[in-house]
Amino acid sequence: MNDMRKVLINFDFPEKYVQVLKEKYDELDFVVSTDKKEIFEHLKDVEILLTFFKCSRDMLDAAPVLKWIQAISAGVDYMPLDEVARRHIILTNGRGIHSIHMSEFAIASMINMARNCHIMFRNQMRKKWDRSVPQGQINGSVLGIIGLGDIGKEIARKASFLGMHVIGVKRTPEPTEFVEKVYGSRDMGEVFEKSDYIINLLPYTAATERIIDRNYFDLMKESACFINIGRGKTVNEADLIETLRNGRIRALVSDVYFEEPLPEDSPLWDLENAILTPHICGISPRYMERAMAIIDHNLKVYVHNEGTMINLVDLGAGY
């Protein structure tokens, strides 16, 4: 009989990292499985779950001794957080993994918009030579970041270095390096009104669903661009489409959508002033390497009861 405390990894974690964990924590029994039937067989005696977008209510019901969930995603809105809280299960996430590559995506998006690359890409497909396409720069522009977490702060650092004036929104306003002014949620409209570029990084919760709607889009400059790399369900997509169709704002870059995959009949596909990417902003060749650092740190704290876990999720807030 195996009396070792079981850890279930229910995603494709590179074998080299699994071996490191087995050697460092020989008091734990590490099991890797992505097969649904096998996962449910293991859950009955799992104490620790390492997961990547897989943790349903059924899974929790099948795991009576589960004490800690380590997600390697930043968002945890796919989990039954009320049940996690009721059972006093520790929940930690992958916050910090995405900061470098998502901030690079954000900077690239703004430069593409400033240079009107979306227009020139379409001209290329049509074999159309047009040197009259306006060419701008992000230097000197105002960037509004909605959600100043780890990713937002890294975007602010990079954007500030490139000469942008950064303002932003944080649930609890506090001075933030590289951000000239931080607003609270109630004053979010001021950020939309003042910015040349808006980057949405809000997490999805019951309180943020469709929170960015016509009321905010109507405050934006006609020359402004909206970039959504947070959660698709935080935006009222119908209002966004209407805003773009009417030319109320200049352009959109979106990596996330209210429904994913984006339906073939979505009007977004046909908009000339939109760049759409298929929820790839968070992908990086170094993702698992960065996830490993978080997992290792938190396992050390959990097993040896020394230090403090990082990335603890506020179950009341949902992130």
Protein backbone atom coordinates (compact mmCIF):
# COMPACT_ATOMS: atom_id res chain seq x y z
CA MET A 1 0.00 0.00 0.00
CA ASN A 2 1.33 3.45 -0.94
CA ASP A 3 1.04 5.88 1.97
CA MET A 4 2.86 8.70 0.17
CA ARG A 5 0.96 11.95 -0.32
CA LYS A 6 -0.23 12.08 -3.90
CA VAL A 7 0.30 14.95 -6.33
CA LEU A 8 -1.64 14.85 -9.59
CA ILE A 9 -0.34 16.79 -12.59
CA ASN A 10 -3.17 16.87 -15.14
CA PHE A 11 -1.39 18.61 -18.02
CA ASP A 12 1.58 17.87 -20.28
CA PHE A 13 4.40 18.94 -17.96
CA PRO A 14 7.83 18.26 -19.52
CA GLU A 15 9.37 15.09 -18.13
CA LYS A 16 12.58 16.89 -17.14
CA TYR A 17 10.64 19.04 -14.66
CA VAL A 18 8.67 16.09 -13.32
CA GLN A 19 11.93 14.26 -12.62
CA VAL A 20 13.34 17.27 -10.77
CA LEU A 21 10.24 17.40 -8.57
CA LYS A 22 10.41 13.67 -7.85
CA GLU A 23 14.05 13.97 -6.79
CA LYS A 24 13.54 17.09 -4.65
CA TYR A 25 10.33 15.89 -2.98
CA ASP A 26 10.74 12.15 -2.55
CA GLU A 27 8.10 12.14 0.18
CA LEU A 28 5.48 12.90 -2.48
CA ASP A 29 3.99 10.57 -5.08
CA PHE A 30 3.84 12.47 -8.40
CA VAL A 31 1.40 11.19 -11.00
CA VAL A 32 1.03 12.74 -14.48
CA SER A 33 -2.19 12.07 -16.39
CA THR A 34 -4.23 13.87 -19.02
CA ASP A 35 -6.70 11.01 -19.55
CA LYS A 36 -10.11 11.93 -18.11
CA LYS A 37 -10.90 8.45 -16.80
CA GLU A 38 -7.46 8.07 -15.20
CA ILE A 39 -7.67 11.54 -13.66
CA PHE A 40 -10.91 10.69 -11.85
CA GLU A 41 -9.42 7.41 -10.61
CA HIS A 42 -6.46 9.28 -9.13
CA LEU A 43 -8.50 12.12 -7.60
CA LYS A 44 -9.93 9.99 -4.78
CA ASP A 45 -6.63 10.18 -2.88
CA VAL A 46 -4.99 13.30 -4.32
CA GLU A 47 -3.80 15.91 -1.82
CA ILE A 48 -2.23 18.35 -4.31
CA LEU A 49 -3.48 19.14 -7.81
CA LEU A 50 -1.27 20.87 -10.38
CA THR A 51 -3.57 21.98 -13.17
CA PHE A 52 -3.81 24.00 -16.36
CA PHE A 53 -7.42 24.97 -17.20
CA LYS A 54 -8.79 21.67 -15.83
CA CYS A 55 -10.62 21.78 -12.51
CA SER A 56 -14.38 21.27 -12.59
CA ARG A 57 -16.92 20.82 -9.79
CA ASP A 58 -17.05 17.11 -10.68
CA MET A 59 -13.31 16.90 -10.16
CA LEU A 60 -13.55 18.54 -6.75
CA ASP A 61 -16.38 16.20 -5.76
CA ALA A 62 -14.14 13.27 -6.70
CA ALA A 63 -11.24 14.57 -4.56
CA PRO A 64 -12.25 14.32 -0.88
CA VAL A 65 -8.73 14.80 0.52
CA LEU A 66 -7.64 17.61 -1.80
CA LYS A 67 -5.94 20.40 0.16
CA TRP A 68 -4.15 22.57 -2.41
CA ILE A 69 -4.62 23.47 -6.07
CA GLN A 70 -1.72 25.03 -7.96
CA ALA A 71 -2.94 26.43 -11.26
CA ILE A 72 -0.35 27.44 -13.83
CA SER A 73 -2.83 29.77 -15.52
CA ALA A 74 -3.18 33.31 -14.23
CA GLY A 75 -6.98 33.34 -14.50
CA VAL A 76 -8.93 30.87 -12.38
CA ASP A 77 -12.45 31.82 -13.50
CA TYR A 78 -12.89 28.30 -14.94
CA MET A 79 -12.87 26.84 -11.43
CA PRO A 80 -15.83 26.48 -9.00
CA LEU A 81 -14.35 29.03 -6.63
CA ASP A 82 -17.30 28.91 -4.23
CA GLU A 83 -16.67 25.21 -3.61
CA VAL A 84 -12.91 25.78 -3.29
CA ALA A 85 -13.64 28.40 -0.62
CA ARG A 86 -16.25 26.27 1.17
CA ARG A 87 -13.77 23.43 1.51
CA HIS A 88 -10.93 25.78 2.55
CA ILE A 89 -8.72 24.46 -0.24
CA ILE A 90 -5.59 26.54 -0.84
CA LEU A 91 -5.54 27.99 -4.37
CA THR A 92 -2.46 29.48 -6.01
CA ASN A 93 -2.11 30.57 -9.64
CA GLY A 94 0.45 31.27 -12.34
CA ARG A 95 0.60 35.02 -11.89
CA GLY A 96 3.91 36.36 -13.19
CA ILE A 97 4.45 33.71 -15.86
CA HIS A 98 2.95 35.92 -18.56
CA SER A 99 4.51 39.30 -17.82
CA ILE A 100 7.36 39.22 -20.34
CA HIS A 101 5.70 37.77 -23.42
CA MET A 102 2.31 39.44 -22.94
CA SER A 103 3.94 42.83 -22.43
CA GLU A 104 5.89 42.30 -25.67
CA PHE A 105 2.61 41.49 -27.44
CA ALA A 106 1.09 44.70 -26.05
CA ILE A 107 3.98 46.86 -27.23
CA ALA A 108 3.92 45.20 -30.67
CA SER A 109 0.17 45.82 -30.90
CA MET A 110 0.56 49.53 -30.21
CA ILE A 111 3.39 49.93 -32.71
CA ASN A 112 1.35 48.06 -35.31
CA MET A 113 -1.56 50.43 -34.69
CA ALA A 114 0.65 53.53 -34.76
CA ARG A 115 2.09 52.42 -38.11
CA ASN A 116 -1.31 51.27 -39.42
CA CYS A 117 0.17 47.88 -40.21
CA HIS A 118 -3.28 46.34 -40.37
CA ILE A 119 -4.03 48.54 -43.39
CA MET A 120 -0.72 47.72 -45.08
CA PHE A 121 -1.11 43.98 -44.45
CA ARG A 122 -4.46 44.10 -46.24
CA ASN A 123 -2.91 46.15 -49.05
CA GLN A 124 -0.22 43.50 -49.36
CA MET A 125 -2.86 40.80 -49.86
CA ARG A 126 -4.42 42.97 -52.59
CA LYS A 127 -1.02 43.75 -54.18
CA LYS A 128 -1.74 47.43 -53.61
CA TRP A 129 1.11 49.94 -53.28
CA ASP A 130 -0.07 52.88 -51.18
CA ARG A 131 2.45 55.17 -49.48
CA SER A 132 -0.28 57.48 -48.20
CA VAL A 133 -1.11 55.21 -45.24
CA PRO A 134 -0.54 57.46 -42.17
CA GLN A 135 2.53 56.62 -40.10
CA GLY A 136 2.57 57.51 -36.42
CA GLN A 137 4.61 56.72 -33.33
CA ILE A 138 3.82 55.62 -29.79
CA ASN A 139 6.42 57.95 -28.26
CA GLY A 140 4.55 60.77 -26.50
CA SER A 141 1.20 58.95 -26.58
CA VAL A 142 -0.92 58.25 -23.51
CA LEU A 143 -1.36 54.60 -22.59
CA GLY A 144 -4.19 53.59 -20.27
CA ILE A 145 -3.81 50.20 -18.62
CA ILE A 146 -6.98 48.71 -17.17
CA GLY A 147 -5.66 46.34 -14.51
CA LEU A 148 -2.26 47.07 -13.01
CA GLY A 149 -1.22 43.58 -11.99
CA ASP A 150 2.10 41.96 -12.87
CA ILE A 151 1.45 42.12 -16.62
CA GLY A 152 0.18 45.69 -16.47
CA LYS A 153 3.20 46.81 -14.49
CA GLU A 154 5.60 45.23 -17.00
CA ILE A 155 3.75 46.86 -19.89
CA ALA A 156 4.02 50.18 -18.04
CA ARG A 157 7.78 49.72 -17.61
CA LYS A 158 8.38 48.95 -21.27
CA ALA A 159 6.00 51.65 -22.53
CA SER A 160 7.55 54.28 -20.27
CA PHE A 161 10.99 53.39 -21.61
CA LEU A 162 9.64 54.02 -25.13
CA GLY A 163 8.48 57.49 -24.14
CA MET A 164 4.80 56.87 -23.48
CA HIS A 165 2.83 58.54 -20.70
CA VAL A 166 1.23 55.75 -18.69
CA ILE A 167 -1.90 55.99 -16.58
CA GLY A 168 -3.92 53.09 -15.25
CA VAL A 169 -6.65 51.56 -13.15
CA LYS A 170 -6.21 49.46 -10.04
CA ARG A 171 -8.94 48.21 -7.72
CA THR A 172 -7.05 49.72 -4.77
CA PRO A 173 -5.21 52.77 -6.17
CA GLU A 174 -1.62 53.13 -5.02
CA PRO A 175 1.54 54.69 -6.45
CA THR A 176 2.96 52.36 -9.11
CA GLU A 177 6.37 52.63 -10.70
CA PHE A 178 6.33 53.87 -14.32
CA VAL A 179 2.66 54.91 -14.01
CA GLU A 180 2.08 58.66 -13.85
CA LYS A 181 -1.36 58.40 -12.26
CA VAL A 182 -3.33 55.48 -10.84
CA TYR A 183 -7.13 55.66 -10.77
CA GLY A 184 -9.64 53.58 -8.85
CA SER A 185 -12.36 51.55 -10.55
CA ARG A 186 -14.92 54.34 -10.11
CA ASP A 187 -12.75 56.72 -12.12
CA MET A 188 -12.01 54.28 -14.98
CA GLY A 189 -13.84 56.57 -17.40
CA GLU A 190 -11.11 59.21 -17.04
CA VAL A 191 -8.54 56.71 -18.30
CA PHE A 192 -10.66 55.91 -21.37
CA GLU A 193 -11.12 59.62 -22.02
CA LYS A 194 -7.44 60.58 -21.80
CA SER A 195 -5.74 57.64 -23.50
CA ASP A 196 -4.52 57.12 -27.05
CA TYR A 197 -4.26 53.39 -26.37
CA ILE A 198 -6.32 51.36 -23.91
CA ILE A 199 -5.09 47.93 -22.86
CA ASN A 200 -7.65 45.78 -21.06
CA LEU A 201 -6.19 43.29 -18.58
CA LEU A 202 -9.18 42.84 -16.30
CA PRO A 203 -9.79 39.38 -14.84
CA TYR A 204 -13.19 37.81 -15.45
CA THR A 205 -15.49 37.75 -12.42
CA ALA A 206 -19.21 38.27 -11.88
CA ALA A 207 -18.43 41.94 -11.19
CA THR A 208 -16.45 42.48 -14.41
CA GLU A 209 -18.68 40.70 -16.94
CA ARG A 210 -19.33 43.09 -19.87
CA ILE A 211 -18.12 45.98 -17.68
CA ILE A 212 -16.39 47.65 -20.64
CA ASP A 213 -19.30 48.78 -22.77
CA ARG A 214 -20.61 51.65 -24.88
CA ASN A 215 -20.41 54.02 -21.91
CA TYR A 216 -16.62 53.66 -21.92
CA PHE A 217 -16.13 53.39 -25.68
CA ASP A 218 -18.05 56.66 -26.13
CA LEU A 219 -15.50 58.41 -23.91
CA MET A 220 -12.54 57.41 -26.09
CA LYS A 221 -10.88 59.66 -28.64
CA GLU A 222 -11.75 58.86 -32.26
CA SER A 223 -8.02 58.38 -32.84
CA ALA A 224 -7.68 55.91 -29.96
CA CYS A 225 -7.16 52.15 -30.14
CA PHE A 226 -8.51 49.41 -27.89
CA ILE A 227 -6.37 46.35 -27.12
CA ASN A 228 -7.96 43.41 -25.31
CA ILE A 229 -5.59 40.79 -23.88
CA GLY A 230 -7.35 40.19 -20.56
CA ARG A 231 -10.60 38.26 -20.63
CA GLY A 232 -13.10 38.41 -23.49
CA LYS A 233 -16.13 38.34 -21.21
CA THR A 234 -15.16 41.62 -19.57
CA VAL A 235 -16.14 43.44 -22.80
CA ASN A 236 -19.62 44.01 -24.22
CA GLU A 237 -18.78 42.68 -27.66
CA ALA A 238 -21.91 44.04 -29.37
CA ASP A 239 -21.04 47.55 -28.16
CA LEU A 240 -17.43 47.10 -29.30
CA ILE A 241 -18.51 46.01 -32.79
CA GLU A 242 -20.89 48.94 -33.12
CA THR A 243 -18.16 51.34 -31.97
CA LEU A 244 -15.73 50.01 -34.59
CA ARG A 245 -18.30 49.95 -37.39
CA ASN A 246 -19.19 53.58 -36.72
CA GLY A 247 -15.56 54.68 -36.61
CA ARG A 248 -16.00 55.96 -33.08
CA ILE A 249 -12.48 54.69 -32.32
CA ARG A 250 -9.66 54.05 -34.76
CA ALA A 251 -8.89 50.37 -34.33
CA LEU A 252 -8.93 47.19 -32.27
CA VAL A 253 -6.43 44.49 -31.42
CA SER A 254 -8.12 41.55 -29.70
CA ASP A 255 -6.71 38.23 -28.53
CA VAL A 256 -9.72 37.21 -26.41
CA TYR A 257 -13.44 37.06 -27.10
CA PHE A 258 -16.75 36.58 -25.33
CA GLU A 259 -17.09 33.20 -27.02
CA GLU A 260 -14.06 31.15 -28.00
CA PRO A 261 -13.28 30.00 -30.60
CA LEU A 262 -14.66 33.16 -32.18
CA PRO A 263 -17.73 32.05 -34.19
CA GLU A 264 -17.39 32.18 -37.97
CA ASP A 265 -20.42 34.47 -38.18
CA SER A 266 -18.97 37.07 -35.79
CA PRO A 267 -18.93 40.55 -37.39
CA LEU A 268 -15.45 41.05 -35.92
CA TRP A 269 -13.92 38.95 -38.71
CA ASP A 270 -15.01 41.43 -41.38
CA LEU A 271 -13.94 44.67 -39.74
CA GLU A 272 -11.19 46.50 -41.64
CA ASN A 273 -10.07 48.28 -38.46
CA ALA A 274 -9.44 45.16 -36.40
CA ILE A 275 -6.53 42.78 -35.84
CA LEU A 276 -7.70 39.46 -34.38
CA THR A 277 -5.45 36.81 -32.88
CA PRO A 278 -6.67 33.40 -31.61
CA HIS A 279 -5.95 33.67 -27.86
CA ILE A 280 -2.22 33.15 -28.31
CA CYS A 281 -0.94 36.17 -26.40
CA GLY A 282 -0.18 34.06 -23.32
CA ILE A 283 1.80 31.39 -25.17
CA SER A 284 5.57 31.30 -24.71
CA PRO A 285 8.31 28.71 -25.30
CA ARG A 286 9.43 29.44 -21.72
CA TYR A 287 5.98 29.06 -20.14
CA MET A 288 6.69 25.75 -18.38
CA GLU A 289 10.10 26.94 -17.21
CA ARG A 290 8.46 29.89 -15.47
CA ALA A 291 5.65 27.70 -14.15
CA MET A 292 8.24 25.34 -12.67
CA ALA A 293 9.74 28.15 -10.58
CA ILE A 294 6.34 28.89 -9.00
CA ILE A 295 5.51 25.21 -8.45
CA ASP A 296 8.89 24.49 -6.86
CA HIS A 297 8.67 27.47 -4.52
CA ASN A 298 5.16 26.65 -3.34
CA LEU A 299 5.88 22.93 -2.95
CA LYS A 300 8.86 23.78 -0.74
CA VAL A 301 6.66 25.95 1.47
CA TYR A 302 3.84 23.40 1.57
CA VAL A 303 5.99 20.35 2.30
CA HIS A 304 8.46 21.91 4.75
CA ASN A 305 6.09 24.50 6.23
CA GLU A 306 8.72 27.20 5.86
CA GLY A 307 8.25 30.58 4.20
CA THR A 308 5.19 31.89 2.39
CA MET A 309 3.41 30.66 -0.70
CA ILE A 310 3.34 33.02 -3.67
CA ASN A 311 0.37 33.79 -5.90
CA LEU A 312 -2.33 32.99 -3.36
CA VAL A 313 -5.73 33.65 -4.96
CA ASP A 314 -8.23 35.86 -3.14
CA LEU A 315 -11.25 33.58 -3.45
CA GLY A 316 -13.63 36.43 -2.64
CA ALA A 317 -12.28 38.62 -5.43
CA GLY A 318 -11.78 35.73 -7.84
CA TYR A 319 -8.11 36.42 -8.66
